[in-house]
C-alpha atoms as a PDB file:
ATOM      1  CA  MET A   1      10.711   0.773   3.614  1.00  0.00           C
ATOM      2  CA  PHE A   2       7.733   1.964   5.668  1.00  0.00           C
ATOM      3  CA  ASP A   3       8.246   5.710   5.416  1.00  0.00           C
ATOM      4  CA  LYS A   4       5.284   8.072   5.408  1.00  0.00           C
ATOM      5  CA  GLU A   5       4.885   7.891   1.595  1.00  0.00           C
ATOM      6  CA  TYR A   6       5.126   4.085   1.455  1.00  0.00           C
ATOM      7  CA  PHE A   7       1.416   3.459   1.020  1.00  0.00           C
ATOM      8  CA  ASP A   8       1.186   6.264  -1.539  1.00  0.00           C
ATOM      9  CA  ARG A   9       3.879   4.578  -3.620  1.00  0.00           C
ATOM     10  CA  VAL A  10       2.821   0.936  -3.333  1.00  0.00           C
ATOM     11  CA  ASN A  11       0.177  -0.634  -5.518  1.00  0.00           C
ATOM     12  CA  LEU A  12      -1.242  -4.138  -5.707  1.00  0.00           C
ATOM     13  CA  GLN A  13       0.738  -5.110  -8.810  1.00  0.00           C
ATOM     14  CA  GLN A  14       3.979  -4.317  -7.009  1.00  0.00           C
ATOM     15  CA  LEU A  15       2.815  -6.034  -3.841  1.00  0.00           C
ATOM     16  CA  ALA A  16       1.843  -9.174  -5.770  1.00  0.00           C
ATOM     17  CA  SER A  17       5.212  -9.084  -7.557  1.00  0.00           C
ATOM     18  CA  PHE A  18       6.972  -8.845  -4.211  1.00  0.00           C
ATOM     19  CA  PHE A  19       5.125 -11.911  -2.876  1.00  0.00           C
ATOM     20  CA  GLN A  20       5.786 -13.857  -6.069  1.00  0.00           C
ATOM     21  CA  PHE A  21       9.360 -12.852  -6.909  1.00  0.00           C
ATOM     22  CA  GLY A  22      10.767 -11.194  -3.777  1.00  0.00           C
ATOM     23  CA  THR A  23      11.196  -7.807  -5.422  1.00  0.00           C
ATOM     24  CA  GLU A  24       9.155  -4.636  -5.559  1.00  0.00           C
ATOM     25  CA  THR A  25      10.878  -3.218  -8.644  1.00  0.00           C
ATOM     26  CA  TYR A  26       8.097  -4.479 -10.909  1.00  0.00           C
ATOM     27  CA  GLN A  27       6.790  -1.755 -13.221  1.00  0.00           C
ATOM     28  CA  PRO A  28       2.987  -1.841 -13.169  1.00  0.00           C
ATOM     29  CA  GLU A  29       1.176  -2.306 -16.441  1.00  0.00           C
ATOM     30  CA  GLU A  30      -1.591   0.023 -17.600  1.00  0.00           C
ATOM     31  CA  GLY A  31      -5.213  -1.064 -17.451  1.00  0.00           C
ATOM     32  CA  SER A  32      -7.574  -2.729 -15.054  1.00  0.00           C
ATOM     33  CA  LEU A  33      -7.122  -6.275 -13.860  1.00  0.00           C
ATOM     34  CA  GLU A  34      -9.740  -7.464 -16.354  1.00  0.00           C
ATOM     35  CA  GLU A  35      -8.167  -5.545 -19.262  1.00  0.00           C
ATOM     36  CA  ARG A  36      -4.717  -6.905 -18.515  1.00  0.00           C
ATOM     37  CA  HIS A  37      -6.055 -10.443 -18.130  1.00  0.00           C
ATOM     38  CA  LYS A  38      -7.847 -10.267 -21.469  1.00  0.00           C
ATOM     39  CA  ARG A  39      -4.823  -8.741 -23.223  1.00  0.00           C
ATOM     40  CA  TRP A  40      -2.404 -11.364 -21.883  1.00  0.00           C
ATOM     41  CA  SER A  41      -4.812 -14.242 -22.445  1.00  0.00           C
ATOM     42  CA  LEU A  42      -4.944 -13.294 -26.118  1.00  0.00           C
ATOM     43  CA  LYS A  43      -1.138 -12.984 -26.230  1.00  0.00           C
ATOM     44  CA  PHE A  44      -0.889 -16.413 -24.600  1.00  0.00           C
ATOM     45  CA  LEU A  45      -3.206 -18.004 -27.169  1.00  0.00           C
ATOM     46  CA  ASP A  46      -1.366 -16.291 -30.044  1.00  0.00           C
ATOM     47  CA  ALA A  47       1.959 -17.514 -28.663  1.00  0.00           C
ATOM     48  CA  ILE A  48       0.625 -21.075 -28.462  1.00  0.00           C
ATOM     49  CA  ALA A  49      -0.493 -20.943 -32.099  1.00  0.00           C
ATOM     50  CA  GLU A  50       2.844 -19.517 -33.223  1.00  0.00           C
ATOM     51  CA  SER A  51       4.793 -22.100 -31.224  1.00  0.00           C
ATOM     52  CA  ARG A  52       2.646 -24.925 -32.559  1.00  0.00           C
ATOM     53  CA  ASP A  53       3.308 -23.812 -36.135  1.00  0.00           C
ATOM     54  CA  ALA A  54       7.035 -23.428 -35.427  1.00  0.00           C
ATOM     55  CA  VAL A  55       7.232 -26.931 -33.895  1.00  0.00           C
ATOM     56  CA  LEU A  56       5.493 -28.443 -36.895  1.00  0.00           C
ATOM     57  CA  ALA A  57       7.744 -26.573 -39.334  1.00  0.00           C
ATOM     58  CA  GLU A  58      10.969 -27.404 -37.489  1.00  0.00           C
ATOM     59  CA  ASP A  59      13.386 -29.913 -39.005  1.00  0.00           C
ATOM     60  CA  TRP A  60      13.984 -32.001 -35.903  1.00  0.00           C
ATOM     61  CA  SER A  61      16.502 -34.254 -37.653  1.00  0.00           C
ATOM     62  CA  GLN A  62      19.121 -31.503 -37.326  1.00  0.00           C
ATOM     63  CA  TYR A  63      19.159 -31.986 -33.545  1.00  0.00           C
ATOM     64  CA  PRO A  64      21.113 -35.169 -32.809  1.00  0.00           C
ATOM     65  CA  THR A  65      20.477 -35.476 -29.080  1.00  0.00           C
ATOM     66  CA  GLU A  66      17.402 -35.250 -26.872  1.00  0.00           C
ATOM     67  CA  ASN A  67      19.067 -32.419 -25.000  1.00  0.00           C
ATOM     68  CA  ASP A  68      19.396 -30.424 -28.231  1.00  0.00           C
ATOM     69  CA  LYS A  69      15.725 -31.058 -28.987  1.00  0.00           C
ATOM     70  CA  GLU A  70      14.681 -30.005 -25.483  1.00  0.00           C
ATOM     71  CA  ASN A  71      16.706 -26.796 -25.759  1.00  0.00           C
ATOM     72  CA  ARG A  72      15.131 -25.972 -29.118  1.00  0.00           C
ATOM     73  CA  THR A  73      11.660 -26.734 -27.737  1.00  0.00           C
ATOM     74  CA  GLU A  74      12.275 -24.304 -24.867  1.00  0.00           C
ATOM     75  CA  GLU A  75      13.298 -21.647 -27.382  1.00  0.00           C
ATOM     76  CA  LEU A  76      10.176 -22.230 -29.459  1.00  0.00           C
ATOM     77  CA  PHE A  77       7.925 -21.939 -26.398  1.00  0.00           C
ATOM     78  CA  GLN A  78       9.655 -18.921 -24.832  1.00  0.00           C
ATOM     79  CA  GLU A  79       6.799 -16.527 -25.676  1.00  0.00           C
ATOM     80  CA  VAL A  80       4.242 -19.002 -24.312  1.00  0.00           C
ATOM     81  CA  ASN A  81       6.145 -19.235 -21.027  1.00  0.00           C
ATOM     82  CA  SER A  82       6.527 -15.456 -20.803  1.00  0.00           C
ATOM     83  CA  ALA A  83       2.801 -14.876 -21.299  1.00  0.00           C
ATOM     84  CA  ARG A  84       2.007 -17.654 -18.795  1.00  0.00           C
ATOM     85  CA  CYS A  85       4.208 -15.967 -16.181  1.00  0.00           C
ATOM     86  CA  VAL A  86       2.375 -12.675 -16.662  1.00  0.00           C
ATOM     87  CA  LEU A  87      -0.981 -14.454 -16.361  1.00  0.00           C
ATOM     88  CA  GLU A  88       0.220 -16.073 -13.133  1.00  0.00           C
ATOM     89  CA  SER A  89       1.140 -12.641 -11.790  1.00  0.00           C
ATOM     90  CA  ILE A  90      -2.299 -11.330 -12.723  1.00  0.00           C
ATOM     91  CA  ALA A  91      -3.929 -14.300 -10.984  1.00  0.00           C
ATOM     92  CA  LEU A  92      -1.847 -13.664  -7.870  1.00  0.00           C
ATOM     93  CA  GLU A  93      -2.894 -10.026  -7.913  1.00  0.00           C
ATOM     94  CA  ALA A  94      -6.552 -11.072  -8.277  1.00  0.00           C
ATOM     95  CA  GLY A  95      -6.164 -13.369  -5.278  1.00  0.00           C
ATOM     96  CA  LEU A  96      -4.563 -10.596  -3.269  1.00  0.00           C
ATOM     97  CA  ARG A  97      -7.392  -8.223  -4.176  1.00  0.00           C
ATOM     98  CA  THR A  98      -9.940 -10.850  -3.173  1.00  0.00           C
ATOM     99  CA  GLY A  99      -8.193 -11.421   0.135  1.00  0.00           C
ATOM    100  CA  LEU A 100      -8.178  -7.703   0.888  1.00  0.00           C
ATOM    101  CA  MET A 101     -11.861  -7.418  -0.004  1.00  0.00           C
ATOM    102  CA  LEU A 102     -12.689 -10.317   2.310  1.00  0.00           C
ATOM    103  CA  TYR A 103     -10.601  -8.769   5.083  1.00  0.00           C
ATOM    104  CA  ARG A 104     -12.519  -5.503   4.737  1.00  0.00           C
ATOM    105  CA  GLU A 105     -15.823  -7.385   4.719  1.00  0.00           C
ATOM    106  CA  PHE A 106     -15.023  -9.249   7.933  1.00  0.00           C
ATOM    107  CA  PHE A 107     -12.878  -6.761   9.840  1.00  0.00           C
ATOM    108  CA  GLY A 108     -13.538  -3.299   8.385  1.00  0.00           C
ATOM    109  CA  GLU A 109     -10.964  -0.998   6.827  1.00  0.00           C
ATOM    110  CA  VAL A 110      -7.329  -2.073   6.627  1.00  0.00           C
END
């Protein structure tokens, strides 16, 4: 893993993904941290609005058990959960960046 090109290949998105999910196969997304956060925040809010409308339009009487209703609710909020997971990854990356900046401030170059 730590061959001579390791630090040329690694980036903070992959490193954050490794800490969060235990894998470094994450494909980085284009854009700065701020651009990605703004883009996914808007997707998150759009997904909430769409899910809200879908919940209100749903005929819940067709689901006889609570388990059926819970499963359908999960389906309706799938996009919300996906966007939330991406935002969590972005927040983890921001925290990692902050930690590295603080390390440099206190101890010099990494």
